[in-house]
Every structure is written in structure tokens, then in C-alpha cells.
Amino acid sequence: MKKLILTISLLTVILLSVKGQSNIAFNSVPVVNGKVVFEYFILTDDGVTPEQGYAKLQKWVRDKYRGNPMVSGIRFDDKGHLVTISAKSNFDNLTTMNYRLDTSVTGAGYMIVVRDITYQNKSNVSSFFPKVVTAEQTITDQAVNSGGGDDKKFRDDVRKATLSFLNEIYTEINSL
């Protein structure tokens, strides 16, 4: 009887913790072949065809990105059910993230891939041009844990902002 109660309690805790984290797809910074690449697969409901999923994805992309001055390119691949977006996102008045978002639709769901991430920091007043750094230099575990002072705080803040931004994208695509 004690084992049954313990098992039920353990399963309840596990289910509640999984439910509580349902909107968090990205909580770490993966490095693949020396590059930061965020990947996540979202399952769709049964009965949603790839064509229906792609139509929903196209509508979301058009609503979110069309006419946005921070977007440098949107490419729809109707044959492969793939959308590629090259855009920027401002984290604050001084830091801008450049990224490429690839989202493909399969029979089972959406595959999100975010890559080619760089950051521009305009806080350096001694130069007219903003300083550009890669995600590998900024948000990886190794980068965040190296150095100290203002640079460490900057990298830590940028990492948190990046993960938060990517989780917003995940939440929006997951609700399609």
C-alpha cells in the first residue's frame, strides 16, 4: 500500500512539473559542430495534414513578420512546406539579435530551427559601427562563465533574453 501511494505521489509530481514547463522549449544553449543551433519539434493534433499545418504557419508568418522593418527576408517553400525568416529583434536600446528561423511542417508537426545568431551591441561609444558578436562568443555556457564584470553580466542578460525570445516563438507556433 505504501508503495502504491508513493508511486502515485511521484507520478503526480512528475506530471505537474511537466505541465508547469509546457511553454518552455528552450532552457539551455545547444552547440552543434561548434555552432549554436536551437532545434525543437512540436507535435500537431491528429488529423492535421501537412498542408493544413503549412497554411497555418504561412498565416502566422505573414501576420507576425510582413511589413516589419526588422525582417530582412521571408522565403516560402511550398513544395517542401518550409518557411525561412531572416530577422532582427531588439532586446533593449543597445542590443539587437540577428537570427534565421527555419520552420518546416511534416505529417507529425512543426520543426523549429533557429541558427546564424549574432548580436549587435551599440554601447561602445568610441566607434560609429556597432560591435557584432556571434552566439558562440556570447550565450554558450563557456562564454557566459568566462570573464567577469560587465561583460559577464551582458552575456548572461543576452542569454536570458535569447531564451525568452525563442520560447515566445515556440509558444506562438505551438498554438497554431
C-alpha atoms as a PDB file:
ATOM      1  CA  MET A   1       0.000   0.000   0.000  1.00  0.00           C
ATOM      2  CA  LYS A   2       2.844   2.401   0.843  1.00  0.00           C
ATOM      3  CA  LYS A   3       4.479   1.648  -2.496  1.00  0.00           C
ATOM      4  CA  LEU A   4       1.239   2.444  -4.328  1.00  0.00           C
ATOM      5  CA  ILE A   5       0.836   5.778  -2.536  1.00  0.00           C
ATOM      6  CA  LEU A   6       4.486   6.622  -3.142  1.00  0.00           C
ATOM      7  CA  THR A   7       4.182   5.738  -6.834  1.00  0.00           C
ATOM      8  CA  ILE A   8       1.018   7.816  -7.262  1.00  0.00           C
ATOM      9  CA  SER A   9       2.618  10.761  -5.440  1.00  0.00           C
ATOM     10  CA  LEU A  10       5.720  10.539  -7.609  1.00  0.00           C
ATOM     11  CA  LEU A  11       3.689  10.399 -10.833  1.00  0.00           C
ATOM     12  CA  THR A  12       1.614  13.386  -9.707  1.00  0.00           C
ATOM     13  CA  VAL A  13       4.737  15.454  -9.028  1.00  0.00           C
ATOM     14  CA  ILE A  14       6.213  14.499 -12.404  1.00  0.00           C
ATOM     15  CA  LEU A  15       3.021  15.342 -14.285  1.00  0.00           C
ATOM     16  CA  LEU A  16       2.657  18.684 -12.531  1.00  0.00           C
ATOM     17  CA  SER A  17       6.250  19.645 -13.239  1.00  0.00           C
ATOM     18  CA  VAL A  18       5.891  18.696 -16.912  1.00  0.00           C
ATOM     19  CA  LYS A  19       2.617  20.625 -17.188  1.00  0.00           C
ATOM     20  CA  GLY A  20       4.182  23.655 -15.494  1.00  0.00           C
ATOM     21  CA  GLN A  21       7.003  23.717 -18.058  1.00  0.00           C
ATOM     22  CA  SER A  22       4.861  23.265 -21.147  1.00  0.00           C
ATOM     23  CA  ASN A  23       5.708  26.723 -22.533  1.00  0.00           C
ATOM     24  CA  ILE A  24       9.453  26.272 -22.124  1.00  0.00           C
ATOM     25  CA  ALA A  25      11.069  24.547 -25.056  1.00  0.00           C
ATOM     26  CA  PHE A  26      14.451  26.219 -24.764  1.00  0.00           C
ATOM     27  CA  ASN A  27      16.225  26.362 -21.404  1.00  0.00           C
ATOM     28  CA  SER A  28      19.827  25.767 -22.468  1.00  0.00           C
ATOM     29  CA  VAL A  29      22.102  26.714 -25.339  1.00  0.00           C
ATOM     30  CA  PRO A  30      22.977  23.739 -27.559  1.00  0.00           C
ATOM     31  CA  VAL A  31      26.196  23.758 -29.571  1.00  0.00           C
ATOM     32  CA  VAL A  32      26.256  21.558 -32.692  1.00  0.00           C
ATOM     33  CA  ASN A  33      29.559  21.251 -34.575  1.00  0.00           C
ATOM     34  CA  GLY A  34      30.797  24.398 -32.882  1.00  0.00           C
ATOM     35  CA  LYS A  35      27.688  26.442 -33.776  1.00  0.00           C
ATOM     36  CA  VAL A  36      24.721  27.439 -31.648  1.00  0.00           C
ATOM     37  CA  VAL A  37      21.642  25.807 -33.188  1.00  0.00           C
ATOM     38  CA  PHE A  38      18.290  25.683 -31.417  1.00  0.00           C
ATOM     39  CA  GLU A  39      16.003  22.873 -32.565  1.00  0.00           C
ATOM     40  CA  TYR A  40      12.600  21.773 -31.321  1.00  0.00           C
ATOM     41  CA  PHE A  41       9.859  19.557 -32.735  1.00  0.00           C
ATOM     42  CA  ILE A  42       6.226  20.397 -31.942  1.00  0.00           C
ATOM     43  CA  LEU A  43       3.681  17.631 -32.381  1.00  0.00           C
ATOM     44  CA  THR A  44       0.402  18.636 -34.008  1.00  0.00           C
ATOM     45  CA  ASP A  45      -3.026  17.249 -33.302  1.00  0.00           C
ATOM     46  CA  ASP A  46      -4.082  14.085 -35.071  1.00  0.00           C
ATOM     47  CA  GLY A  47      -5.977  14.829 -38.232  1.00  0.00           C
ATOM     48  CA  VAL A  48      -3.962  17.941 -39.136  1.00  0.00           C
ATOM     49  CA  THR A  49      -2.470  17.369 -42.567  1.00  0.00           C
ATOM     50  CA  PRO A  50       0.883  18.871 -43.569  1.00  0.00           C
ATOM     51  CA  GLU A  51      -0.986  21.162 -45.967  1.00  0.00           C
ATOM     52  CA  GLN A  52      -3.245  22.458 -43.181  1.00  0.00           C
ATOM     53  CA  GLY A  53      -0.267  22.935 -40.867  1.00  0.00           C
ATOM     54  CA  TYR A  54       1.660  24.769 -43.586  1.00  0.00           C
ATOM     55  CA  ALA A  55      -1.324  27.046 -44.267  1.00  0.00           C
ATOM     56  CA  LYS A  56      -1.478  27.915 -40.536  1.00  0.00           C
ATOM     57  CA  LEU A  57       2.276  28.523 -40.474  1.00  0.00           C
ATOM     58  CA  GLN A  58       2.089  30.793 -43.542  1.00  0.00           C
ATOM     59  CA  LYS A  59      -0.695  32.848 -41.946  1.00  0.00           C
ATOM     60  CA  TRP A  60       1.274  33.186 -38.701  1.00  0.00           C
ATOM     61  CA  VAL A  61       4.419  34.281 -40.571  1.00  0.00           C
ATOM     62  CA  ARG A  62       2.523  36.825 -42.642  1.00  0.00           C
ATOM     63  CA  ASP A  63       0.710  38.233 -39.611  1.00  0.00           C
ATOM     64  CA  LYS A  64       3.831  38.422 -37.460  1.00  0.00           C
ATOM     65  CA  TYR A  65       6.557  39.390 -39.926  1.00  0.00           C
ATOM     66  CA  ARG A  66       5.040  41.065 -43.009  1.00  0.00           C
ATOM     67  CA  GLY A  67       5.812  44.784 -43.077  1.00  0.00           C
ATOM     68  CA  ASN A  68       8.164  44.543 -40.109  1.00  0.00           C
ATOM     69  CA  PRO A  69      11.267  46.698 -40.734  1.00  0.00           C
ATOM     70  CA  MET A  70      13.313  44.259 -38.613  1.00  0.00           C
ATOM     71  CA  VAL A  71      12.799  41.497 -41.210  1.00  0.00           C
ATOM     72  CA  SER A  72      15.378  41.199 -43.966  1.00  0.00           C
ATOM     73  CA  GLY A  73      13.810  38.238 -45.754  1.00  0.00           C
ATOM     74  CA  ILE A  74      10.974  35.710 -45.791  1.00  0.00           C
ATOM     75  CA  ARG A  75      11.084  32.664 -48.042  1.00  0.00           C
ATOM     76  CA  PHE A  76       8.208  30.225 -48.503  1.00  0.00           C
ATOM     77  CA  ASP A  77       8.989  26.812 -49.976  1.00  0.00           C
ATOM     78  CA  ASP A  78       5.530  25.472 -50.821  1.00  0.00           C
ATOM     79  CA  LYS A  79       6.861  22.191 -52.167  1.00  0.00           C
ATOM     80  CA  GLY A  80       8.919  21.398 -49.042  1.00  0.00           C
ATOM     81  CA  HIS A  81       6.474  23.036 -46.592  1.00  0.00           C
ATOM     82  CA  LEU A  82       9.316  25.173 -45.250  1.00  0.00           C
ATOM     83  CA  VAL A  83       9.480  28.814 -44.189  1.00  0.00           C
ATOM     84  CA  THR A  84      12.760  30.664 -43.634  1.00  0.00           C
ATOM     85  CA  ILE A  85      12.816  34.044 -41.936  1.00  0.00           C
ATOM     86  CA  SER A  86      15.857  36.275 -41.526  1.00  0.00           C
ATOM     87  CA  ALA A  87      15.138  38.954 -38.958  1.00  0.00           C
ATOM     88  CA  LYS A  88      16.302  41.030 -36.024  1.00  0.00           C
ATOM     89  CA  SER A  89      14.918  41.504 -32.542  1.00  0.00           C
ATOM     90  CA  ASN A  90      15.729  44.365 -30.170  1.00  0.00           C
ATOM     91  CA  PHE A  91      16.374  43.276 -26.602  1.00  0.00           C
ATOM     92  CA  ASP A  92      16.909  46.797 -25.331  1.00  0.00           C
ATOM     93  CA  ASN A  93      18.021  50.095 -26.790  1.00  0.00           C
ATOM     94  CA  LEU A  94      21.588  48.828 -27.119  1.00  0.00           C
ATOM     95  CA  THR A  95      21.396  45.141 -28.133  1.00  0.00           C
ATOM     96  CA  THR A  96      19.923  43.634 -31.279  1.00  0.00           C
ATOM     97  CA  MET A  97      19.819  39.930 -32.130  1.00  0.00           C
ATOM     98  CA  ASN A  98      20.037  38.806 -35.766  1.00  0.00           C
ATOM     99  CA  TYR A  99      18.720  35.305 -36.428  1.00  0.00           C
ATOM    100  CA  ARG A 100      17.464  32.853 -39.025  1.00  0.00           C
ATOM    101  CA  LEU A 101      14.293  30.907 -38.220  1.00  0.00           C
ATOM    102  CA  ASP A 102      13.549  27.809 -40.289  1.00  0.00           C
ATOM    103  CA  THR A 103      10.216  26.124 -39.671  1.00  0.00           C
ATOM    104  CA  SER A 104       9.163  23.056 -41.607  1.00  0.00           C
ATOM    105  CA  VAL A 105       5.905  21.142 -41.478  1.00  0.00           C
ATOM    106  CA  THR A 106       5.654  17.365 -41.566  1.00  0.00           C
ATOM    107  CA  GLY A 107       2.794  14.947 -41.077  1.00  0.00           C
ATOM    108  CA  ALA A 108       3.527  14.876 -37.347  1.00  0.00           C
ATOM    109  CA  GLY A 109       4.190  18.545 -36.620  1.00  0.00           C
ATOM    110  CA  TYR A 110       6.448  21.572 -36.881  1.00  0.00           C
ATOM    111  CA  MET A 111      10.242  21.521 -36.751  1.00  0.00           C
ATOM    112  CA  ILE A 112      11.728  24.783 -35.482  1.00  0.00           C
ATOM    113  CA  VAL A 113      15.405  25.547 -36.148  1.00  0.00           C
ATOM    114  CA  VAL A 114      16.987  28.853 -35.106  1.00  0.00           C
ATOM    115  CA  ARG A 115      20.532  29.415 -36.311  1.00  0.00           C
ATOM    116  CA  ASP A 116      23.020  32.018 -37.549  1.00  0.00           C
ATOM    117  CA  ILE A 117      22.537  34.095 -34.411  1.00  0.00           C
ATOM    118  CA  THR A 118      24.613  37.229 -33.937  1.00  0.00           C
ATOM    119  CA  TYR A 119      24.294  40.225 -31.654  1.00  0.00           C
ATOM    120  CA  GLN A 120      24.994  43.890 -32.233  1.00  0.00           C
ATOM    121  CA  ASN A 121      25.857  45.947 -29.198  1.00  0.00           C
ATOM    122  CA  LYS A 122      25.728  49.721 -29.654  1.00  0.00           C
ATOM    123  CA  SER A 123      27.065  50.558 -26.196  1.00  0.00           C
ATOM    124  CA  ASN A 124      30.596  51.219 -27.469  1.00  0.00           C
ATOM    125  CA  VAL A 125      30.548  54.990 -27.959  1.00  0.00           C
ATOM    126  CA  SER A 126      34.112  55.081 -29.300  1.00  0.00           C
ATOM    127  CA  SER A 127      33.025  53.514 -32.594  1.00  0.00           C
ATOM    128  CA  PHE A 128      30.386  54.577 -35.104  1.00  0.00           C
ATOM    129  CA  PHE A 129      29.681  50.955 -36.025  1.00  0.00           C
ATOM    130  CA  PRO A 130      28.062  48.564 -33.550  1.00  0.00           C
ATOM    131  CA  LYS A 131      30.133  45.672 -32.283  1.00  0.00           C
ATOM    132  CA  VAL A 132      28.932  42.345 -33.740  1.00  0.00           C
ATOM    133  CA  VAL A 133      29.474  39.106 -31.815  1.00  0.00           C
ATOM    134  CA  THR A 134      28.312  35.570 -32.524  1.00  0.00           C
ATOM    135  CA  ALA A 135      26.106  33.456 -30.304  1.00  0.00           C
ATOM    136  CA  GLU A 136      29.076  31.152 -29.776  1.00  0.00           C
ATOM    137  CA  GLN A 137      31.027  34.079 -28.294  1.00  0.00           C
ATOM    138  CA  THR A 138      28.109  35.317 -26.219  1.00  0.00           C
ATOM    139  CA  ILE A 139      25.487  32.859 -24.933  1.00  0.00           C
ATOM    140  CA  THR A 140      27.117  29.432 -24.670  1.00  0.00           C
ATOM    141  CA  ASP A 141      27.905  28.031 -21.225  1.00  0.00           C
ATOM    142  CA  GLN A 142      31.597  28.543 -21.881  1.00  0.00           C
ATOM    143  CA  ALA A 143      31.116  32.165 -22.961  1.00  0.00           C
ATOM    144  CA  VAL A 144      28.832  33.088 -20.056  1.00  0.00           C
ATOM    145  CA  ASN A 145      31.155  31.520 -17.479  1.00  0.00           C
ATOM    146  CA  SER A 146      34.308  33.183 -18.830  1.00  0.00           C
ATOM    147  CA  GLY A 147      35.473  36.564 -17.698  1.00  0.00           C
ATOM    148  CA  GLY A 148      33.637  38.717 -15.244  1.00  0.00           C
ATOM    149  CA  GLY A 149      32.248  42.137 -14.522  1.00  0.00           C
ATOM    150  CA  ASP A 150      30.139  43.955 -17.082  1.00  0.00           C
ATOM    151  CA  ASP A 151      30.969  41.510 -19.903  1.00  0.00           C
ATOM    152  CA  LYS A 152      29.684  38.560 -17.881  1.00  0.00           C
ATOM    153  CA  LYS A 153      26.508  40.452 -16.958  1.00  0.00           C
ATOM    154  CA  PHE A 154      25.984  41.418 -20.613  1.00  0.00           C
ATOM    155  CA  ARG A 155      26.411  37.808 -21.789  1.00  0.00           C
ATOM    156  CA  ASP A 156      24.134  36.485 -19.057  1.00  0.00           C
ATOM    157  CA  ASP A 157      21.434  39.069 -19.835  1.00  0.00           C
ATOM    158  CA  VAL A 158      21.660  38.389 -23.572  1.00  0.00           C
ATOM    159  CA  ARG A 159      21.415  34.630 -22.964  1.00  0.00           C
ATOM    160  CA  LYS A 160      18.275  35.082 -20.832  1.00  0.00           C
ATOM    161  CA  ALA A 161      16.726  37.425 -23.406  1.00  0.00           C
ATOM    162  CA  THR A 162      17.528  34.996 -26.241  1.00  0.00           C
ATOM    163  CA  LEU A 163      15.974  32.010 -24.464  1.00  0.00           C
ATOM    164  CA  SER A 164      12.914  34.074 -23.548  1.00  0.00           C
ATOM    165  CA  PHE A 165      12.506  35.256 -27.152  1.00  0.00           C
ATOM    166  CA  LEU A 166      12.840  31.713 -28.519  1.00  0.00           C
ATOM    167  CA  ASN A 167      10.281  30.428 -26.020  1.00  0.00           C
ATOM    168  CA  GLU A 168       7.860  33.120 -27.210  1.00  0.00           C
ATOM    169  CA  ILE A 169       8.341  31.893 -30.794  1.00  0.00           C
ATOM    170  CA  TYR A 170       7.803  28.309 -29.613  1.00  0.00           C
ATOM    171  CA  THR A 171       4.595  29.281 -27.764  1.00  0.00           C
ATOM    172  CA  GLU A 172       3.209  31.074 -30.816  1.00  0.00           C
ATOM    173  CA  ILE A 173       3.958  28.188 -33.199  1.00  0.00           C
ATOM    174  CA  ASN A 174       2.697  25.646 -30.660  1.00  0.00           C
ATOM    175  CA  SER A 175      -0.664  27.444 -30.563  1.00  0.00           C
ATOM    176  CA  LEU A 176      -1.207  27.157 -34.333  1.00  0.00           C
END
